[in-house]
């Protein structure tokens, strides 16, 4: 039983040490966030439905991608 008590005491001490390290990490993170100018609020793009493209914009993007793929396929058939 003495061994078990010693192990439990050691684990408790390790937990205390780890909690202290976590507190230190939280402080460092808070300082870095403050320095970076970040706040806890998400950007407008992170909101659900906050950033939508119009159908015309999606079609322009799709057409440009089709054109790029056509160019790639054209090069691969020439070789």
C-alpha atoms as a PDB file:
ATOM      1  CA  UNK A   1       0.000   0.000   0.000  1.00  0.00           C
ATOM      2  CA  UNK A   2       2.875   2.341   0.702  1.00  0.00           C
ATOM      3  CA  UNK A   3       3.942   2.050  -2.934  1.00  0.00           C
ATOM      4  CA  UNK A   4       0.465   2.940  -4.116  1.00  0.00           C
ATOM      5  CA  UNK A   5       0.357   5.985  -1.837  1.00  0.00           C
ATOM      6  CA  UNK A   6       3.727   7.129  -3.166  1.00  0.00           C
ATOM      7  CA  UNK A   7       2.573   6.699  -6.766  1.00  0.00           C
ATOM      8  CA  UNK A   8      -0.635   8.628  -6.080  1.00  0.00           C
ATOM      9  CA  UNK A   9       1.301  11.449  -4.428  1.00  0.00           C
ATOM     10  CA  UNK A  10       3.705  11.583  -7.356  1.00  0.00           C
ATOM     11  CA  UNK A  11       0.801  11.731  -9.817  1.00  0.00           C
ATOM     12  CA  UNK A  12      -0.814  14.568  -7.858  1.00  0.00           C
ATOM     13  CA  UNK A  13       2.443  16.521  -7.913  1.00  0.00           C
ATOM     14  CA  UNK A  14       2.796  15.920 -11.652  1.00  0.00           C
ATOM     15  CA  UNK A  15      -0.756  17.139 -12.176  1.00  0.00           C
ATOM     16  CA  UNK A  16      -0.059  20.343 -10.236  1.00  0.00           C
ATOM     17  CA  UNK A  17       3.095  20.958 -12.271  1.00  0.00           C
ATOM     18  CA  UNK A  18       1.262  20.342 -15.536  1.00  0.00           C
ATOM     19  CA  UNK A  19      -1.583  22.666 -14.529  1.00  0.00           C
ATOM     20  CA  UNK A  20       0.992  25.370 -13.817  1.00  0.00           C
ATOM     21  CA  UNK A  21       2.517  24.854 -17.263  1.00  0.00           C
ATOM     22  CA  UNK A  22      -0.918  25.078 -18.858  1.00  0.00           C
ATOM     23  CA  UNK A  23      -1.591  28.362 -17.076  1.00  0.00           C
ATOM     24  CA  UNK A  24       1.719  29.700 -18.381  1.00  0.00           C
ATOM     25  CA  UNK A  25       0.826  28.585 -21.924  1.00  0.00           C
ATOM     26  CA  UNK A  26      -2.558  30.280 -21.639  1.00  0.00           C
ATOM     27  CA  UNK A  27      -0.833  33.520 -20.640  1.00  0.00           C
ATOM     28  CA  UNK A  28       1.581  33.309 -23.572  1.00  0.00           C
ATOM     29  CA  UNK A  29      -1.249  32.576 -25.995  1.00  0.00           C
ATOM     30  CA  UNK A  30      -3.237  35.521 -24.673  1.00  0.00           C
ATOM     31  CA  UNK A  31      -0.279  37.856 -25.156  1.00  0.00           C
ATOM     32  CA  UNK A  32       0.339  36.585 -28.704  1.00  0.00           C
ATOM     33  CA  UNK A  33      -3.320  36.952 -29.615  1.00  0.00           C
ATOM     34  CA  UNK A  34      -3.317  40.485 -28.281  1.00  0.00           C
ATOM     35  CA  UNK A  35      -0.126  41.330 -30.180  1.00  0.00           C
ATOM     36  CA  UNK A  36      -1.536  39.912 -33.400  1.00  0.00           C
ATOM     37  CA  UNK A  37      -4.634  42.062 -32.991  1.00  0.00           C
ATOM     38  CA  UNK A  38      -6.905  39.064 -32.971  1.00  0.00           C
ATOM     39  CA  UNK A  39     -10.065  39.130 -30.987  1.00  0.00           C
ATOM     40  CA  UNK A  40     -12.368  36.350 -30.001  1.00  0.00           C
ATOM     41  CA  UNK A  41     -14.848  37.290 -32.709  1.00  0.00           C
ATOM     42  CA  UNK A  42     -14.844  35.290 -35.917  1.00  0.00           C
ATOM     43  CA  UNK A  43     -14.400  37.023 -39.221  1.00  0.00           C
ATOM     44  CA  UNK A  44     -17.367  37.620 -41.457  1.00  0.00           C
ATOM     45  CA  UNK A  45     -16.225  34.747 -43.665  1.00  0.00           C
ATOM     46  CA  UNK A  46     -16.390  32.312 -40.777  1.00  0.00           C
ATOM     47  CA  UNK A  47     -20.076  32.917 -40.201  1.00  0.00           C
ATOM     48  CA  UNK A  48     -22.420  30.345 -41.680  1.00  0.00           C
ATOM     49  CA  UNK A  49     -23.731  31.825 -44.889  1.00  0.00           C
ATOM     50  CA  UNK A  50     -21.664  34.967 -44.425  1.00  0.00           C
ATOM     51  CA  UNK A  51     -19.876  34.866 -47.776  1.00  0.00           C
ATOM     52  CA  UNK A  52     -21.732  33.839 -50.889  1.00  0.00           C
ATOM     53  CA  UNK A  53     -20.911  34.217 -54.526  1.00  0.00           C
ATOM     54  CA  UNK A  54     -23.511  35.185 -57.055  1.00  0.00           C
ATOM     55  CA  UNK A  55     -24.456  32.670 -59.726  1.00  0.00           C
ATOM     56  CA  UNK A  56     -22.706  34.823 -62.326  1.00  0.00           C
ATOM     57  CA  UNK A  57     -19.491  34.864 -60.293  1.00  0.00           C
ATOM     58  CA  UNK A  58     -19.607  31.080 -59.828  1.00  0.00           C
ATOM     59  CA  UNK A  59     -20.104  30.653 -63.580  1.00  0.00           C
ATOM     60  CA  UNK A  60     -17.139  32.931 -64.365  1.00  0.00           C
ATOM     61  CA  UNK A  61     -14.945  30.939 -61.991  1.00  0.00           C
ATOM     62  CA  UNK A  62     -16.148  27.653 -63.457  1.00  0.00           C
ATOM     63  CA  UNK A  63     -15.546  28.875 -67.019  1.00  0.00           C
ATOM     64  CA  UNK A  64     -12.025  29.980 -66.134  1.00  0.00           C
ATOM     65  CA  UNK A  65     -11.320  26.592 -64.549  1.00  0.00           C
ATOM     66  CA  UNK A  66     -12.671  24.754 -67.595  1.00  0.00           C
ATOM     67  CA  UNK A  67     -10.398  26.874 -69.771  1.00  0.00           C
ATOM     68  CA  UNK A  68      -7.373  26.020 -67.588  1.00  0.00           C
ATOM     69  CA  UNK A  69      -8.169  22.305 -67.728  1.00  0.00           C
ATOM     70  CA  UNK A  70      -8.632  22.470 -71.507  1.00  0.00           C
ATOM     71  CA  UNK A  71      -5.150  23.977 -71.789  1.00  0.00           C
ATOM     72  CA  UNK A  72      -3.711  21.170 -69.621  1.00  0.00           C
ATOM     73  CA  UNK A  73      -5.456  18.482 -71.672  1.00  0.00           C
ATOM     74  CA  UNK A  74      -4.277  20.102 -74.903  1.00  0.00           C
ATOM     75  CA  UNK A  75      -0.651  20.015 -73.733  1.00  0.00           C
ATOM     76  CA  UNK A  76      -0.925  16.379 -72.639  1.00  0.00           C
ATOM     77  CA  UNK A  77      -2.272  15.216 -76.023  1.00  0.00           C
ATOM     78  CA  UNK A  78       0.531  16.996 -77.917  1.00  0.00           C
ATOM     79  CA  UNK A  79       3.272  15.095 -76.090  1.00  0.00           C
END
